[in-house]
Amino acid sequence: MNAAVRAVLFDLDGTLLDTAPDMVGALNTLRAEEGLAPVPFAAARAQVSHGSSGLMRVGFPDAIDAELERLRERFLALYRGRLADETLLFPGGGLVLEHLEAAALPWGVVTNKPGWLAEPLLAALGLDRRMACLVSGDTLPERKPHPRPLLHAAQSIGVEAAACVYVGDALRDVQAARAAGMRPVVASFGYLSDSDEHRLWPAEAWIDTPDELIGWLANA
């Protein structure tokens, strides 16, 4: 029997926030600086959950070594300058957070995004004052799919891992949740590529819109 849910943790990019417009926008600004045409939005969107490395693969597939690092650093600078220009909660996400807060269920964020990007982004959207915790990609030596960031989040909230749900849009999210003893839910609306067989991932549930989480939690 599963423990009663006492907290909900979210991945950031592609799960809690739709960051693709700003991240792909920064990528295409960089491509314009390099004299290149824009990458189609849909192709780049599918790589956003993989951060700067994923976007570099689609934006500059032939770049290696020092050139790749130069481009990546410039991308991050461009992105830092437009963190929340177009980024919003996914439609229905606000209702989910309001539901959790009304039910006195703490929620937090566990992301591989570095803190120097995650913290100001969440602050710009006023979410930093509402969340119970933030574990970024540089909070600990380990990152997802390692379970330690999720376990650290549960400990900081004061909730047993078995009583936590973790929602994410990548296989590493499901793997981290399983390894931490949490209940994984896949955000099917997130940044999945055509090659992602997400229905085969070892999750407990798949939600096609954020607000479907409310109904699932009612029966969890």
Protein backbone atom coordinates (compact mmCIF):
# COMPACT_ATOMS: atom_id res chain seq x y z
CA MET A 1 0.00 0.00 0.00
CA ASN A 2 1.30 3.46 -0.91
CA ALA A 3 1.84 6.05 1.79
CA ALA A 4 -0.55 9.00 1.77
CA VAL A 5 0.78 11.86 -0.35
CA ARG A 6 2.16 14.60 1.86
CA ALA A 7 4.19 16.65 -0.67
CA VAL A 8 4.54 17.12 -4.41
CA LEU A 9 7.84 17.88 -6.12
CA PHE A 10 8.18 19.14 -9.68
CA ASP A 11 10.84 19.21 -12.32
CA LEU A 12 11.16 22.76 -13.66
CA ASP A 13 11.62 22.97 -17.44
CA GLY A 14 8.82 21.22 -19.28
CA THR A 15 6.89 20.32 -16.14
CA LEU A 16 6.22 23.29 -13.87
CA LEU A 17 7.23 26.02 -16.31
CA ASP A 18 7.04 26.37 -20.07
CA THR A 19 10.55 27.78 -20.50
CA ALA A 20 10.92 26.77 -24.16
CA PRO A 21 10.00 30.17 -25.67
CA ASP A 22 12.84 31.89 -23.81
CA MET A 23 15.38 29.09 -24.15
CA VAL A 24 14.75 28.54 -27.85
CA GLY A 25 14.64 32.30 -28.33
CA ALA A 26 18.11 32.60 -26.82
CA LEU A 27 19.35 29.76 -29.02
CA ASN A 28 18.06 31.41 -32.18
CA THR A 29 19.49 34.77 -31.14
CA LEU A 30 22.86 33.04 -30.88
CA ARG A 31 22.39 31.39 -34.26
CA ALA A 32 21.61 34.80 -35.75
CA GLU A 33 24.82 36.16 -34.23
CA GLU A 34 26.65 33.29 -35.93
CA GLY A 35 25.00 34.04 -39.28
CA LEU A 36 22.69 31.05 -39.17
CA ALA A 37 18.96 30.66 -39.76
CA PRO A 38 16.64 29.90 -36.81
CA VAL A 39 16.11 26.33 -35.68
CA PRO A 40 12.43 25.30 -35.99
CA PHE A 41 10.77 25.79 -32.63
CA ALA A 42 9.36 22.24 -32.41
CA ALA A 43 12.77 20.65 -33.00
CA ALA A 44 14.43 22.78 -30.34
CA ARG A 45 11.54 22.47 -27.86
CA ALA A 46 12.10 18.72 -27.60
CA GLN A 47 15.64 19.37 -26.31
CA VAL A 48 14.85 21.98 -23.66
CA SER A 49 14.61 19.44 -20.83
CA HIS A 50 18.22 18.52 -21.60
CA GLY A 51 19.35 22.08 -20.91
CA SER A 52 22.12 23.89 -22.71
CA SER A 53 23.80 20.66 -23.82
CA GLY A 54 20.64 19.48 -25.58
CA LEU A 55 20.09 22.84 -27.24
CA MET A 56 23.69 22.99 -28.39
CA ARG A 57 23.24 19.59 -30.04
CA VAL A 58 20.32 20.82 -32.11
CA GLY A 59 21.60 24.36 -32.67
CA PHE A 60 25.27 23.64 -33.36
CA PRO A 61 25.58 19.91 -34.04
CA ASP A 62 29.10 20.19 -35.49
CA ALA A 63 30.63 22.29 -32.69
CA ILE A 64 33.16 20.57 -30.43
CA ASP A 65 35.63 21.35 -27.65
CA ALA A 66 36.52 25.03 -27.19
CA GLU A 67 34.11 26.21 -29.89
CA LEU A 68 31.24 24.33 -28.28
CA GLU A 69 32.06 25.79 -24.88
CA ARG A 70 32.24 29.32 -26.33
CA LEU A 71 28.81 28.90 -27.89
CA ARG A 72 27.36 27.38 -24.75
CA GLU A 73 28.63 30.22 -22.56
CA ARG A 74 27.21 32.80 -24.97
CA PHE A 75 23.88 30.96 -25.04
CA LEU A 76 23.70 31.00 -21.25
CA ALA A 77 24.45 34.72 -21.17
CA LEU A 78 21.70 35.40 -23.71
CA TYR A 79 19.26 33.21 -21.84
CA ARG A 80 20.08 34.85 -18.50
CA GLY A 81 19.12 38.15 -20.08
CA ARG A 82 15.62 36.96 -20.97
CA LEU A 83 14.82 34.37 -18.29
CA ALA A 84 11.18 35.29 -17.83
CA ASP A 85 10.29 37.30 -20.94
CA GLU A 86 7.87 34.64 -22.19
CA THR A 87 8.12 31.87 -19.60
CA LEU A 88 4.93 31.00 -17.73
CA LEU A 89 3.34 28.18 -15.81
CA PHE A 90 1.85 25.65 -18.20
CA PRO A 91 -1.91 26.21 -18.65
CA GLY A 92 -3.62 24.73 -15.62
CA GLY A 93 -0.44 24.85 -13.56
CA GLY A 94 -1.70 27.73 -11.47
CA LEU A 95 -4.79 25.75 -10.51
CA VAL A 96 -2.60 22.84 -9.45
CA LEU A 97 -0.48 24.99 -7.15
CA GLU A 98 -3.57 26.64 -5.67
CA HIS A 99 -5.08 23.21 -5.05
CA LEU A 100 -1.94 21.97 -3.30
CA GLU A 101 -1.72 25.07 -1.16
CA ALA A 102 -5.43 24.90 -0.23
CA ALA A 103 -4.92 21.27 0.78
CA ALA A 104 -1.86 22.21 2.88
CA LEU A 105 0.33 20.01 0.68
CA PRO A 106 3.79 21.58 0.38
CA TRP A 107 5.30 21.64 -3.09
CA GLY A 108 8.84 22.17 -4.28
CA VAL A 109 11.14 22.06 -7.28
CA VAL A 110 13.98 19.65 -8.02
CA THR A 111 15.76 20.55 -11.22
CA ASN A 112 19.08 20.04 -12.97
CA LYS A 113 18.99 23.72 -13.95
CA PRO A 114 21.75 25.58 -12.06
CA GLY A 115 20.69 27.74 -9.17
CA TRP A 116 21.93 30.96 -10.77
CA LEU A 117 19.23 30.46 -13.41
CA ALA A 118 16.53 28.63 -11.44
CA GLU A 119 16.43 31.00 -8.47
CA PRO A 120 15.94 34.29 -10.37
CA LEU A 121 13.49 32.64 -12.76
CA LEU A 122 11.24 31.41 -9.96
CA ALA A 123 11.58 34.75 -8.18
CA ALA A 124 10.57 36.64 -11.33
CA LEU A 125 7.33 34.64 -11.43
CA GLY A 126 6.69 35.06 -7.70
CA LEU A 127 6.94 31.33 -7.08
CA ASP A 128 9.92 31.52 -4.74
CA ARG A 129 7.65 32.79 -1.96
CA ARG A 130 5.23 29.89 -2.41
CA MET A 131 7.40 26.81 -2.80
CA ALA A 132 8.63 24.78 0.14
CA CYS A 133 12.03 24.02 -1.36
CA LEU A 134 14.27 24.36 -4.38
CA VAL A 135 17.01 21.88 -5.18
CA SER A 136 18.97 22.99 -8.23
CA GLY A 137 21.50 21.21 -10.38
CA ASP A 138 24.38 22.65 -8.37
CA THR A 139 22.88 22.33 -4.89
CA LEU A 140 24.58 18.96 -4.43
CA PRO A 141 27.42 17.13 -6.20
CA GLU A 142 24.84 14.72 -7.65
CA ARG A 143 22.11 15.52 -10.17
CA LYS A 144 19.17 13.55 -11.49
CA PRO A 145 18.91 10.65 -12.30
CA HIS A 146 20.72 10.25 -8.97
CA PRO A 147 18.11 10.11 -6.18
CA ARG A 148 19.97 12.34 -3.74
CA PRO A 149 18.49 15.68 -4.95
CA LEU A 150 14.98 14.29 -4.44
CA LEU A 151 15.86 12.87 -1.04
CA HIS A 152 17.40 16.21 -0.07
CA ALA A 153 14.17 17.98 -1.07
CA ALA A 154 12.03 15.62 1.01
CA GLN A 155 14.31 16.07 4.00
CA SER A 156 14.22 19.86 3.69
CA ILE A 157 10.40 19.81 3.68
CA GLY A 158 10.33 17.30 6.52
CA VAL A 159 8.41 14.62 4.64
CA GLU A 160 9.35 10.99 4.11
CA ALA A 161 10.34 10.19 0.52
CA ALA A 162 7.63 7.51 0.29
CA ALA A 163 5.01 10.21 0.89
CA CYS A 164 6.25 12.37 -2.00
CA VAL A 165 5.12 12.49 -5.61
CA TYR A 166 7.65 13.63 -8.21
CA VAL A 167 6.39 15.00 -11.52
CA GLY A 168 8.77 15.26 -14.49
CA ASP A 169 8.99 15.00 -18.25
CA ALA A 170 12.19 13.00 -18.71
CA LEU A 171 13.24 9.40 -18.10
CA ARG A 172 15.85 10.58 -15.60
CA ASP A 173 13.02 12.10 -13.53
CA VAL A 174 11.26 8.74 -13.30
CA GLN A 175 14.52 6.96 -12.56
CA ALA A 176 15.42 9.42 -9.79
CA ALA A 177 11.96 9.16 -8.24
CA ARG A 178 12.01 5.36 -8.27
CA ALA A 179 15.51 5.27 -6.76
CA ALA A 180 14.42 7.71 -4.05
CA GLY A 181 11.34 5.67 -3.19
CA MET A 182 8.97 8.36 -4.47
CA ARG A 183 5.97 8.00 -6.76
CA PRO A 184 6.81 9.20 -10.29
CA VAL A 185 4.29 10.94 -12.53
CA VAL A 186 5.16 11.77 -16.15
CA ALA A 187 4.20 15.17 -17.55
CA SER A 188 3.26 14.05 -21.06
CA PHE A 189 2.72 17.69 -22.04
CA GLY A 190 6.40 18.41 -21.46
CA TYR A 191 9.42 18.46 -23.73
CA LEU A 192 9.26 14.96 -25.13
CA SER A 193 10.76 13.99 -28.47
CA ASP A 194 9.31 11.57 -30.99
CA SER A 195 11.86 8.98 -29.87
CA ASP A 196 10.79 9.13 -26.22
CA GLU A 197 8.71 6.05 -25.43
CA HIS A 198 7.42 7.69 -22.26
CA ARG A 199 4.48 5.32 -21.88
CA LEU A 200 7.03 2.56 -21.25
CA TRP A 201 8.80 4.44 -18.46
CA PRO A 202 8.25 2.92 -14.98
CA ALA A 203 5.90 5.64 -13.76
CA GLU A 204 2.71 5.43 -11.73
CA ALA A 205 0.77 7.85 -13.92
CA TRP A 206 0.95 9.98 -17.06
CA ILE A 207 -0.80 13.34 -17.19
CA ASP A 208 -1.55 15.11 -20.47
CA THR A 209 -2.33 18.45 -18.79
CA PRO A 210 -1.15 19.82 -15.45
CA ASP A 211 -4.64 19.90 -13.92
CA GLU A 212 -4.99 16.12 -14.41
CA LEU A 213 -2.65 15.86 -11.43
CA ILE A 214 -5.47 17.10 -9.17
CA GLY A 215 -7.70 14.18 -10.08
CA TRP A 216 -4.88 11.69 -9.79
CA LEU A 217 -3.93 12.95 -6.33
CA ALA A 218 -7.52 12.53 -5.18
CA ASN A 219 -7.21 8.79 -5.76
CA ALA A 220 -3.51 8.33 -4.99
